Amino acid sequence: MRTLALDIGNTAVKYGCFEADALLETAAGQTAAQVRAVVQRLQPEHVVLASVAEATDPWTAELRQLVPGTVLEFAPAATALPIRNAYATPHTLGADRLAAAVGAAWLLPGRPVVVVDAGTAIKCDLVAADGTFQGGSISPGLAMRFKALNTFTGRLPLIDLPTDRAATVPLTGDDTQSSIRSGVLNGAAAEVRGMLAEYEAQFPQLAVVLAGGDAPFFRTRLKRPIFVVPELVLLGLHRILVHHVST
């Protein structure tokens, strides 16, 4: 079965095409016209789409003209899942968080898993060993932290993310720019390490799956074994679609 997963995010549209459970092709920064061309070229049997940024109705209407099978609009509060969702307010839950949890639970069944999705926001979410999504935390992403310091102060400059995400950032800045870099980057890394330490104290068999655009930054700073799965949200959407089609 060939499927197409569409993740309509805050800053980009990303797709992943799967054959069975293998990712055949993926790309980000897609326009509606580019997605249309992808569908015509790859000819998926079924499509799933999720959005944290805009309504999916216009996308769905066109996709139904192009795809012979199911076009599933993923809604966390309504769509059937291969895991249990214990979130108290599922109608407010971001589709990307829940899809990532589904992907992590499929990759690591029978283990408690924390998903660290480092993108526009940094999300740390827990999936219990029995496959129940428990919820987690949301904090500003790296770029947002730099922008906030510039926006909400009178004199602090806007600092760009370093090109080399693996480079060491001195703990003690010796000028304003290096002090901001230390506060944002070392602070964010310490925040995530602290969250994981708290979870590990509760769940000794804890696994950690890292995803999102800033995953390369955190990969070298978490100081513990982790699974890096850049396309985790797309994988989760694919598994949700497979569950929907097969039940």
C-alpha atoms as a PDB file:
ATOM      1  CA  MET A   1       0.000   0.000   0.000  1.00  0.00           C
ATOM      2  CA  ARG A   2       1.381   3.392  -0.952  1.00  0.00           C
ATOM      3  CA  THR A   3       0.435   6.342   1.257  1.00  0.00           C
ATOM      4  CA  LEU A   4       1.178  10.056   1.404  1.00  0.00           C
ATOM      5  CA  ALA A   5       1.384  11.937   4.712  1.00  0.00           C
ATOM      6  CA  LEU A   6       1.118  15.734   4.728  1.00  0.00           C
ATOM      7  CA  ASP A   7       2.206  17.774   7.750  1.00  0.00           C
ATOM      8  CA  ILE A   8       1.032  21.388   7.422  1.00  0.00           C
ATOM      9  CA  GLY A   9       3.088  23.155  10.068  1.00  0.00           C
ATOM     10  CA  ASN A  10       3.577  26.666  11.384  1.00  0.00           C
ATOM     11  CA  THR A  11       6.344  27.491   8.917  1.00  0.00           C
ATOM     12  CA  ALA A  12       6.303  24.805   6.210  1.00  0.00           C
ATOM     13  CA  VAL A  13       4.346  22.050   4.513  1.00  0.00           C
ATOM     14  CA  LYS A  14       6.119  18.703   4.546  1.00  0.00           C
ATOM     15  CA  TYR A  15       5.233  15.429   2.888  1.00  0.00           C
ATOM     16  CA  GLY A  16       6.342  11.837   3.181  1.00  0.00           C
ATOM     17  CA  CYS A  17       5.486   9.036   0.786  1.00  0.00           C
ATOM     18  CA  PHE A  18       5.469   5.506   2.246  1.00  0.00           C
ATOM     19  CA  GLU A  19       5.437   2.083   0.596  1.00  0.00           C
ATOM     20  CA  ALA A  20       4.283  -0.280   3.322  1.00  0.00           C
ATOM     21  CA  ASP A  21       6.212   1.252   6.269  1.00  0.00           C
ATOM     22  CA  ALA A  22       9.265   2.369   4.294  1.00  0.00           C
ATOM     23  CA  LEU A  23       9.710   6.081   3.621  1.00  0.00           C
ATOM     24  CA  LEU A  24      10.280   6.467  -0.103  1.00  0.00           C
ATOM     25  CA  GLU A  25      10.523  10.237  -0.410  1.00  0.00           C
ATOM     26  CA  THR A  26      10.133  13.370   1.670  1.00  0.00           C
ATOM     27  CA  ALA A  27      10.494  17.123   1.257  1.00  0.00           C
ATOM     28  CA  ALA A  28       9.603  20.305   3.108  1.00  0.00           C
ATOM     29  CA  GLY A  29       8.649  23.833   2.081  1.00  0.00           C
ATOM     30  CA  GLN A  30       5.999  22.636  -0.326  1.00  0.00           C
ATOM     31  CA  THR A  31       3.290  24.774  -1.923  1.00  0.00           C
ATOM     32  CA  ALA A  32      -0.148  23.467  -2.848  1.00  0.00           C
ATOM     33  CA  ALA A  33       0.934  23.248  -6.496  1.00  0.00           C
ATOM     34  CA  GLN A  34       4.034  21.241  -5.575  1.00  0.00           C
ATOM     35  CA  VAL A  35       1.991  18.830  -3.472  1.00  0.00           C
ATOM     36  CA  ARG A  36      -0.417  18.383  -6.387  1.00  0.00           C
ATOM     37  CA  ALA A  37       2.518  17.482  -8.637  1.00  0.00           C
ATOM     38  CA  VAL A  38       3.852  15.041  -6.021  1.00  0.00           C
ATOM     39  CA  VAL A  39       0.487  13.273  -5.826  1.00  0.00           C
ATOM     40  CA  GLN A  40       0.267  13.018  -9.607  1.00  0.00           C
ATOM     41  CA  ARG A  41       3.813  11.662  -9.828  1.00  0.00           C
ATOM     42  CA  LEU A  42       3.798   9.208  -6.918  1.00  0.00           C
ATOM     43  CA  GLN A  43       0.119   8.148  -7.180  1.00  0.00           C
ATOM     44  CA  PRO A  44      -0.541   7.202  -3.548  1.00  0.00           C
ATOM     45  CA  GLU A  45      -3.571   5.052  -2.831  1.00  0.00           C
ATOM     46  CA  HIS A  46      -4.429   6.897   0.373  1.00  0.00           C
ATOM     47  CA  VAL A  47      -3.513  10.291   1.893  1.00  0.00           C
ATOM     48  CA  VAL A  48      -3.516  11.640   5.450  1.00  0.00           C
ATOM     49  CA  LEU A  49      -3.072  15.299   6.282  1.00  0.00           C
ATOM     50  CA  ALA A  50      -2.757  17.213   9.505  1.00  0.00           C
ATOM     51  CA  SER A  51      -2.355  20.890  10.265  1.00  0.00           C
ATOM     52  CA  VAL A  52      -1.401  23.016  13.236  1.00  0.00           C
ATOM     53  CA  ALA A  53      -1.568  26.218  11.202  1.00  0.00           C
ATOM     54  CA  GLU A  54      -4.589  26.345   8.892  1.00  0.00           C
ATOM     55  CA  ALA A  55      -7.805  24.615   7.894  1.00  0.00           C
ATOM     56  CA  THR A  56      -7.303  21.504   5.804  1.00  0.00           C
ATOM     57  CA  ASP A  57     -10.593  21.749   3.869  1.00  0.00           C
ATOM     58  CA  PRO A  58      -9.104  23.327   0.698  1.00  0.00           C
ATOM     59  CA  TRP A  59      -6.369  20.692   0.611  1.00  0.00           C
ATOM     60  CA  THR A  60      -8.828  17.854   1.182  1.00  0.00           C
ATOM     61  CA  ALA A  61     -11.215  18.929  -1.564  1.00  0.00           C
ATOM     62  CA  GLU A  62      -8.464  18.852  -4.187  1.00  0.00           C
ATOM     63  CA  LEU A  63      -6.838  15.669  -2.934  1.00  0.00           C
ATOM     64  CA  ARG A  64     -10.136  13.812  -3.228  1.00  0.00           C
ATOM     65  CA  GLN A  65     -10.077  14.595  -6.941  1.00  0.00           C
ATOM     66  CA  LEU A  66      -6.603  13.057  -7.276  1.00  0.00           C
ATOM     67  CA  VAL A  67      -6.510  10.079  -4.908  1.00  0.00           C
ATOM     68  CA  PRO A  68      -8.534   6.889  -5.509  1.00  0.00           C
ATOM     69  CA  GLY A  69      -8.751   5.831  -1.872  1.00  0.00           C
ATOM     70  CA  THR A  70      -9.072   7.509   1.511  1.00  0.00           C
ATOM     71  CA  VAL A  71      -8.206  11.146   2.196  1.00  0.00           C
ATOM     72  CA  LEU A  72      -8.061  11.360   5.985  1.00  0.00           C
ATOM     73  CA  GLU A  73      -8.088  14.696   7.805  1.00  0.00           C
ATOM     74  CA  PHE A  74      -6.393  13.867  11.093  1.00  0.00           C
ATOM     75  CA  ALA A  75      -8.243  15.396  14.052  1.00  0.00           C
ATOM     76  CA  PRO A  76      -6.765  14.462  17.464  1.00  0.00           C
ATOM     77  CA  ALA A  77     -10.160  14.617  19.180  1.00  0.00           C
ATOM     78  CA  ALA A  78     -12.000  12.499  16.602  1.00  0.00           C
ATOM     79  CA  THR A  79      -9.719  10.247  14.550  1.00  0.00           C
ATOM     80  CA  ALA A  80      -9.315   6.633  15.665  1.00  0.00           C
ATOM     81  CA  LEU A  81      -5.768   5.857  16.808  1.00  0.00           C
ATOM     82  CA  PRO A  82      -3.556   2.793  17.234  1.00  0.00           C
ATOM     83  CA  ILE A  83      -2.709   4.098  20.736  1.00  0.00           C
ATOM     84  CA  ARG A  84      -4.827   5.384  23.605  1.00  0.00           C
ATOM     85  CA  ASN A  85      -5.039   9.145  24.126  1.00  0.00           C
ATOM     86  CA  ALA A  86      -5.334  10.189  27.789  1.00  0.00           C
ATOM     87  CA  TYR A  87      -4.970  13.936  27.127  1.00  0.00           C
ATOM     88  CA  ALA A  88      -7.630  15.813  29.094  1.00  0.00           C
ATOM     89  CA  THR A  89      -8.452  18.253  26.277  1.00  0.00           C
ATOM     90  CA  PRO A  90      -7.908  16.359  22.997  1.00  0.00           C
ATOM     91  CA  HIS A  91      -9.604  19.130  21.001  1.00  0.00           C
ATOM     92  CA  THR A  92      -6.723  21.455  21.958  1.00  0.00           C
ATOM     93  CA  LEU A  93      -3.974  18.913  21.300  1.00  0.00           C
ATOM     94  CA  GLY A  94      -1.688  19.653  18.361  1.00  0.00           C
ATOM     95  CA  ALA A  95      -1.887  17.060  15.607  1.00  0.00           C
ATOM     96  CA  ASP A  96       1.908  17.006  15.340  1.00  0.00           C
ATOM     97  CA  ARG A  97       2.338  16.057  19.012  1.00  0.00           C
ATOM     98  CA  LEU A  98      -0.074  13.151  18.807  1.00  0.00           C
ATOM     99  CA  ALA A  99       1.243  11.926  15.454  1.00  0.00           C
ATOM    100  CA  ALA A 100       4.797  11.938  16.813  1.00  0.00           C
ATOM    101  CA  ALA A 101       3.613   9.927  19.815  1.00  0.00           C
ATOM    102  CA  VAL A 102       2.007   7.350  17.516  1.00  0.00           C
ATOM    103  CA  GLY A 103       5.239   7.062  15.547  1.00  0.00           C
ATOM    104  CA  ALA A 104       7.327   6.624  18.695  1.00  0.00           C
ATOM    105  CA  ALA A 105       4.970   4.002  20.156  1.00  0.00           C
ATOM    106  CA  TRP A 106       5.136   2.024  16.900  1.00  0.00           C
ATOM    107  CA  LEU A 107       8.937   2.169  16.789  1.00  0.00           C
ATOM    108  CA  LEU A 108       9.427   1.236  20.462  1.00  0.00           C
ATOM    109  CA  PRO A 109       6.450  -0.867  21.588  1.00  0.00           C
ATOM    110  CA  GLY A 110       6.247  -1.894  25.221  1.00  0.00           C
ATOM    111  CA  ARG A 111       8.570   0.841  26.511  1.00  0.00           C
ATOM    112  CA  PRO A 112       7.884   4.232  28.057  1.00  0.00           C
ATOM    113  CA  VAL A 113       8.993   6.822  25.508  1.00  0.00           C
ATOM    114  CA  VAL A 114       9.530  10.563  25.659  1.00  0.00           C
ATOM    115  CA  VAL A 115       9.314  12.333  22.316  1.00  0.00           C
ATOM    116  CA  VAL A 116      11.432  15.489  22.114  1.00  0.00           C
ATOM    117  CA  ASP A 117      10.161  17.408  19.091  1.00  0.00           C
ATOM    118  CA  ALA A 118      12.404  20.451  18.678  1.00  0.00           C
ATOM    119  CA  GLY A 119      10.908  22.807  16.140  1.00  0.00           C
ATOM    120  CA  THR A 120       9.062  26.113  16.389  1.00  0.00           C
ATOM    121  CA  ALA A 121       8.316  24.960  19.934  1.00  0.00           C
ATOM    122  CA  ILE A 122      10.136  22.367  22.037  1.00  0.00           C
ATOM    123  CA  LYS A 123       7.697  19.626  22.990  1.00  0.00           C
ATOM    124  CA  CYS A 124       8.515  16.810  25.398  1.00  0.00           C
ATOM    125  CA  ASP A 125       5.707  14.240  25.415  1.00  0.00           C
ATOM    126  CA  LEU A 126       5.331  10.931  27.238  1.00  0.00           C
ATOM    127  CA  VAL A 127       3.926   7.701  25.833  1.00  0.00           C
ATOM    128  CA  ALA A 128       3.529   5.071  28.564  1.00  0.00           C
ATOM    129  CA  ALA A 129       4.730   1.495  28.126  1.00  0.00           C
ATOM    130  CA  ASP A 130       1.150   0.362  27.453  1.00  0.00           C
ATOM    131  CA  GLY A 131       0.928   2.763  24.503  1.00  0.00           C
ATOM    132  CA  THR A 132      -1.021   5.544  26.216  1.00  0.00           C
ATOM    133  CA  PHE A 133      -0.260   9.147  25.275  1.00  0.00           C
ATOM    134  CA  GLN A 134      -0.078  11.011  28.583  1.00  0.00           C
ATOM    135  CA  GLY A 135       0.765  14.558  27.461  1.00  0.00           C
ATOM    136  CA  GLY A 136       3.865  16.556  28.264  1.00  0.00           C
ATOM    137  CA  SER A 137       5.289  20.042  27.989  1.00  0.00           C
ATOM    138  CA  ILE A 138       5.579  22.865  25.463  1.00  0.00           C
ATOM    139  CA  SER A 139       8.148  25.645  25.602  1.00  0.00           C
ATOM    140  CA  PRO A 140       9.535  28.148  23.081  1.00  0.00           C
ATOM    141  CA  GLY A 141      11.862  26.807  20.407  1.00  0.00           C
ATOM    142  CA  LEU A 142      15.379  28.135  19.876  1.00  0.00           C
ATOM    143  CA  ALA A 143      14.518  30.698  17.192  1.00  0.00           C
ATOM    144  CA  MET A 144      11.532  31.909  19.219  1.00  0.00           C
ATOM    145  CA  ARG A 145      13.735  32.477  22.272  1.00  0.00           C
ATOM    146  CA  PHE A 146      16.153  34.624  20.307  1.00  0.00           C
ATOM    147  CA  LYS A 147      13.253  36.617  18.802  1.00  0.00           C
ATOM    148  CA  ALA A 148      11.595  37.121  22.177  1.00  0.00           C
ATOM    149  CA  LEU A 149      14.715  38.681  23.694  1.00  0.00           C
ATOM    150  CA  ASN A 150      14.947  41.084  20.772  1.00  0.00           C
ATOM    151  CA  THR A 151      11.208  41.865  20.633  1.00  0.00           C
ATOM    152  CA  PHE A 152      10.534  42.397  24.323  1.00  0.00           C
ATOM    153  CA  THR A 153      13.641  44.374  25.257  1.00  0.00           C
ATOM    154  CA  GLY A 154      14.854  47.748  24.156  1.00  0.00           C
ATOM    155  CA  ARG A 155      18.481  47.027  23.326  1.00  0.00           C
ATOM    156  CA  LEU A 156      19.159  43.318  22.970  1.00  0.00           C
ATOM    157  CA  PRO A 157      20.044  42.388  19.376  1.00  0.00           C
ATOM    158  CA  LEU A 158      18.471  39.600  17.340  1.00  0.00           C
ATOM    159  CA  ILE A 159      20.901  36.677  17.189  1.00  0.00           C
ATOM    160  CA  ASP A 160      20.710  33.985  14.531  1.00  0.00           C
ATOM    161  CA  LEU A 161      20.989  30.292  15.256  1.00  0.00           C
ATOM    162  CA  PRO A 162      24.527  29.027  14.647  1.00  0.00           C
ATOM    163  CA  THR A 163      25.065  27.339  11.288  1.00  0.00           C
ATOM    164  CA  ASP A 164      26.970  24.502  12.944  1.00  0.00           C
ATOM    165  CA  ARG A 165      24.389  23.181  15.393  1.00  0.00           C
ATOM    166  CA  ALA A 166      26.902  20.776  16.949  1.00  0.00           C
ATOM    167  CA  ALA A 167      29.419  23.500  17.830  1.00  0.00           C
ATOM    168  CA  THR A 168      30.143  24.127  21.507  1.00  0.00           C
ATOM    169  CA  VAL A 169      28.618  27.295  22.938  1.00  0.00           C
ATOM    170  CA  PRO A 170      30.737  28.807  25.748  1.00  0.00           C
ATOM    171  CA  LEU A 171      28.886  28.773  29.052  1.00  0.00           C
ATOM    172  CA  THR A 172      30.180  32.233  29.989  1.00  0.00           C
ATOM    173  CA  GLY A 173      29.593  34.849  27.311  1.00  0.00           C
ATOM    174  CA  ASP A 174      32.117  37.692  27.242  1.00  0.00           C
ATOM    175  CA  ASP A 175      29.926  40.107  25.270  1.00  0.00           C
ATOM    176  CA  THR A 176      26.188  40.640  24.769  1.00  0.00           C
ATOM    177  CA  GLN A 177      25.873  38.407  21.714  1.00  0.00           C
ATOM    178  CA  SER A 178      27.757  35.481  23.238  1.00  0.00           C
ATOM    179  CA  SER A 179      25.827  35.912  26.496  1.00  0.00           C
ATOM    180  CA  ILE A 180      22.536  35.656  24.611  1.00  0.00           C
ATOM    181  CA  ARG A 181      23.769  32.571  22.774  1.00  0.00           C
ATOM    182  CA  SER A 182      24.747  30.955  26.048  1.00  0.00           C
ATOM    183  CA  GLY A 183      21.458  31.786  27.720  1.00  0.00           C
ATOM    184  CA  VAL A 184      19.295  30.570  24.864  1.00  0.00           C
ATOM    185  CA  LEU A 185      21.254  27.561  23.644  1.00  0.00           C
ATOM    186  CA  ASN A 186      22.818  26.239  26.833  1.00  0.00           C
ATOM    187  CA  GLY A 187      19.631  27.083  28.708  1.00  0.00           C
ATOM    188  CA  ALA A 188      17.421  25.165  26.284  1.00  0.00           C
ATOM    189  CA  ALA A 189      19.737  22.147  26.379  1.00  0.00           C
ATOM    190  CA  ALA A 190      19.782  22.196  30.193  1.00  0.00           C
ATOM    191  CA  GLU A 191      15.989  22.475  30.220  1.00  0.00           C
ATOM    192  CA  VAL A 192      15.512  19.375  28.073  1.00  0.00           C
ATOM    193  CA  ARG A 193      18.175  17.393  29.955  1.00  0.00           C
ATOM    194  CA  GLY A 194      16.418  18.266  33.199  1.00  0.00           C
ATOM    195  CA  MET A 195      13.029  17.168  31.866  1.00  0.00           C
ATOM    196  CA  LEU A 196      14.463  13.856  30.706  1.00  0.00           C
ATOM    197  CA  ALA A 197      16.169  13.287  34.061  1.00  0.00           C
ATOM    198  CA  GLU A 198      12.816  13.766  35.823  1.00  0.00           C
ATOM    199  CA  TYR A 199      11.131  11.290  33.485  1.00  0.00           C
ATOM    200  CA  GLU A 200      13.961   8.759  33.820  1.00  0.00           C
ATOM    201  CA  ALA A 201      13.651   8.873  37.600  1.00  0.00           C
ATOM    202  CA  GLN A 202      10.030   7.737  37.182  1.00  0.00           C
ATOM    203  CA  PHE A 203      10.623   5.319  34.295  1.00  0.00           C
ATOM    204  CA  PRO A 204      14.055   3.588  34.448  1.00  0.00           C
ATOM    205  CA  GLN A 205      13.481   1.857  31.087  1.00  0.00           C
ATOM    206  CA  LEU A 206      12.770   5.186  29.385  1.00  0.00           C
ATOM    207  CA  ALA A 207      13.534   5.588  25.680  1.00  0.00           C
ATOM    208  CA  VAL A 208      13.946   9.005  24.053  1.00  0.00           C
ATOM    209  CA  VAL A 209      13.067   9.807  20.454  1.00  0.00           C
ATOM    210  CA  LEU A 210      14.303  13.093  19.028  1.00  0.00           C
ATOM    211  CA  ALA A 211      12.696  14.837  16.044  1.00  0.00           C
ATOM    212  CA  GLY A 212      12.177  18.309  14.594  1.00  0.00           C
ATOM    213  CA  GLY A 213      14.267  20.861  12.741  1.00  0.00           C
ATOM    214  CA  ASP A 214      16.523  21.588  15.726  1.00  0.00           C
ATOM    215  CA  ALA A 215      17.160  17.902  16.479  1.00  0.00           C
ATOM    216  CA  PRO A 216      20.827  18.226  15.327  1.00  0.00           C
ATOM    217  CA  PHE A 217      21.406  20.800  18.087  1.00  0.00           C
ATOM    218  CA  PHE A 218      20.003  18.597  20.855  1.00  0.00           C
ATOM    219  CA  ARG A 219      21.466  15.366  19.520  1.00  0.00           C
ATOM    220  CA  THR A 220      24.950  16.243  20.760  1.00  0.00           C
ATOM    221  CA  ARG A 221      23.779  17.728  24.059  1.00  0.00           C
ATOM    222  CA  LEU A 222      21.416  15.238  25.685  1.00  0.00           C
ATOM    223  CA  LYS A 223      24.229  13.013  27.034  1.00  0.00           C
ATOM    224  CA  ARG A 224      22.198   9.791  26.894  1.00  0.00           C
ATOM    225  CA  PRO A 225      21.274   7.184  24.269  1.00  0.00           C
ATOM    226  CA  ILE A 226      18.565   8.550  21.986  1.00  0.00           C
ATOM    227  CA  PHE A 227      16.807   7.586  18.773  1.00  0.00           C
ATOM    228  CA  VAL A 228      16.876  10.353  16.173  1.00  0.00           C
ATOM    229  CA  VAL A 229      13.913  10.079  13.791  1.00  0.00           C
ATOM    230  CA  PRO A 230      13.639  13.272  11.697  1.00  0.00           C
ATOM    231  CA  GLU A 231      10.412  12.162   9.987  1.00  0.00           C
ATOM    232  CA  LEU A 232       8.653  11.002  13.170  1.00  0.00           C
ATOM    233  CA  VAL A 233       5.489  13.084  12.651  1.00  0.00           C
ATOM    234  CA  LEU A 234       5.127  11.833   9.079  1.00  0.00           C
ATOM    235  CA  LEU A 235       5.673   8.246  10.243  1.00  0.00           C
ATOM    236  CA  GLY A 236       3.003   8.681  12.905  1.00  0.00           C
ATOM    237  CA  LEU A 237       0.546  10.111  10.390  1.00  0.00           C
ATOM    238  CA  HIS A 238       1.227   7.166   8.106  1.00  0.00           C
ATOM    239  CA  ARG A 239       0.537   4.685  10.923  1.00  0.00           C
ATOM    240  CA  ILE A 240      -2.704   6.517  11.799  1.00  0.00           C
ATOM    241  CA  LEU A 241      -3.784   6.240   8.158  1.00  0.00           C
ATOM    242  CA  VAL A 242      -2.897   2.530   8.041  1.00  0.00           C
ATOM    243  CA  HIS A 243      -4.943   1.994  11.216  1.00  0.00           C
ATOM    244  CA  HIS A 244      -7.880   3.876   9.702  1.00  0.00           C
ATOM    245  CA  VAL A 245      -7.797   1.995   6.413  1.00  0.00           C
ATOM    246  CA  SER A 246      -7.381  -1.449   7.991  1.00  0.00           C
ATOM    247  CA  THR A 247     -10.150  -1.177  10.610  1.00  0.00           C
END
